[in-house]
């Protein structure tokens, strides 16, 4: 069973160039597939607009860690 649940924030662990996403971007899990083998994750701008909703394998995301803070950057494409 997965330790990541729906509506949890997760951190991207590999770049997704087609969506303009890079390692460290933070998204929200909106669906869980195959008992946590994959996730549908929504990435949003700081203005609250959806930047991407994509399916990611479990190896492409990790839970947010207790002492982490957010960092702003311009999205390159997508």
Protein backbone atom coordinates (compact mmCIF):
# COMPACT_ATOMS: atom_id res chain seq x y z
CA UNK A 1 0.00 0.00 0.00
CA UNK A 2 1.21 3.48 -0.83
CA UNK A 3 2.19 6.10 1.72
CA UNK A 4 1.05 8.78 -0.74
CA UNK A 5 -2.70 9.49 -0.65
CA UNK A 6 -5.10 11.53 -2.75
CA UNK A 7 -4.70 15.28 -2.17
CA UNK A 8 -1.17 14.85 -0.79
CA UNK A 9 1.47 17.15 -2.18
CA UNK A 10 4.34 15.38 -3.94
CA UNK A 11 7.70 16.44 -5.34
CA UNK A 12 8.77 15.59 -8.88
CA UNK A 13 11.94 13.45 -8.95
CA UNK A 14 12.52 13.52 -12.72
CA UNK A 15 12.08 16.21 -15.36
CA UNK A 16 9.02 16.14 -17.64
CA UNK A 17 10.21 18.44 -20.47
CA UNK A 18 7.04 18.05 -22.56
CA UNK A 19 5.10 19.74 -19.73
CA UNK A 20 7.80 22.24 -18.72
CA UNK A 21 8.22 20.53 -15.34
CA UNK A 22 11.53 19.96 -13.57
CA UNK A 23 12.81 18.03 -10.58
CA UNK A 24 11.60 19.68 -7.40
CA UNK A 25 8.28 20.98 -8.76
CA UNK A 26 5.43 20.36 -6.34
CA UNK A 27 2.07 18.95 -7.38
CA UNK A 28 -1.07 17.51 -5.79
CA UNK A 29 -2.16 13.90 -6.21
CA UNK A 30 -5.67 13.79 -7.64
CA UNK A 31 -5.91 10.03 -8.38
CA UNK A 32 -4.00 6.91 -7.39
CA UNK A 33 -3.57 4.03 -9.86
CA UNK A 34 -2.70 0.38 -9.26
CA UNK A 35 -2.36 0.69 -5.46
CA UNK A 36 0.24 3.45 -5.68
CA UNK A 37 2.22 2.30 -8.72
CA UNK A 38 1.19 5.51 -10.55
CA UNK A 39 -0.45 8.83 -9.75
CA UNK A 40 -2.42 11.51 -11.55
CA UNK A 41 -0.80 14.74 -10.36
CA UNK A 42 -1.92 18.34 -10.87
CA UNK A 43 0.72 21.05 -11.02
CA UNK A 44 -0.45 24.62 -10.52
CA UNK A 45 0.99 28.09 -10.85
CA UNK A 46 1.22 30.24 -7.74
CA UNK A 47 -1.80 32.16 -9.13
CA UNK A 48 -3.85 28.95 -8.84
CA UNK A 49 -4.03 28.10 -12.55
CA UNK A 50 -3.49 24.52 -13.64
CA UNK A 51 -0.13 24.16 -15.39
CA UNK A 52 -0.38 20.41 -16.06
CA UNK A 53 -2.28 17.30 -15.04
CA UNK A 54 -0.22 14.22 -15.82
CA UNK A 55 0.09 10.56 -14.92
CA UNK A 56 3.40 9.74 -13.26
CA UNK A 57 4.95 6.46 -12.18
CA UNK A 58 5.66 6.13 -8.46
CA UNK A 59 9.40 6.49 -9.16
CA UNK A 60 8.79 9.98 -10.60
CA UNK A 61 7.42 11.49 -7.37
CA UNK A 62 8.07 11.42 -3.66
CA UNK A 63 6.23 12.73 -0.62
CA UNK A 64 6.97 16.25 0.61
CA UNK A 65 9.49 16.18 3.46
CA UNK A 66 8.79 17.82 6.81
CA UNK A 67 11.37 20.63 6.62
CA UNK A 68 11.10 21.54 2.92
CA UNK A 69 10.00 24.95 1.65
CA UNK A 70 8.59 26.00 -1.73
CA UNK A 71 10.66 27.88 -4.32
CA UNK A 72 9.26 29.94 -7.21
CA UNK A 73 10.48 29.68 -10.82
CA UNK A 74 9.18 30.54 -14.28
CA UNK A 75 7.78 27.58 -16.19
CA UNK A 76 9.72 27.10 -19.41
CA UNK A 77 7.02 25.55 -21.62
CA UNK A 78 3.95 23.37 -21.80
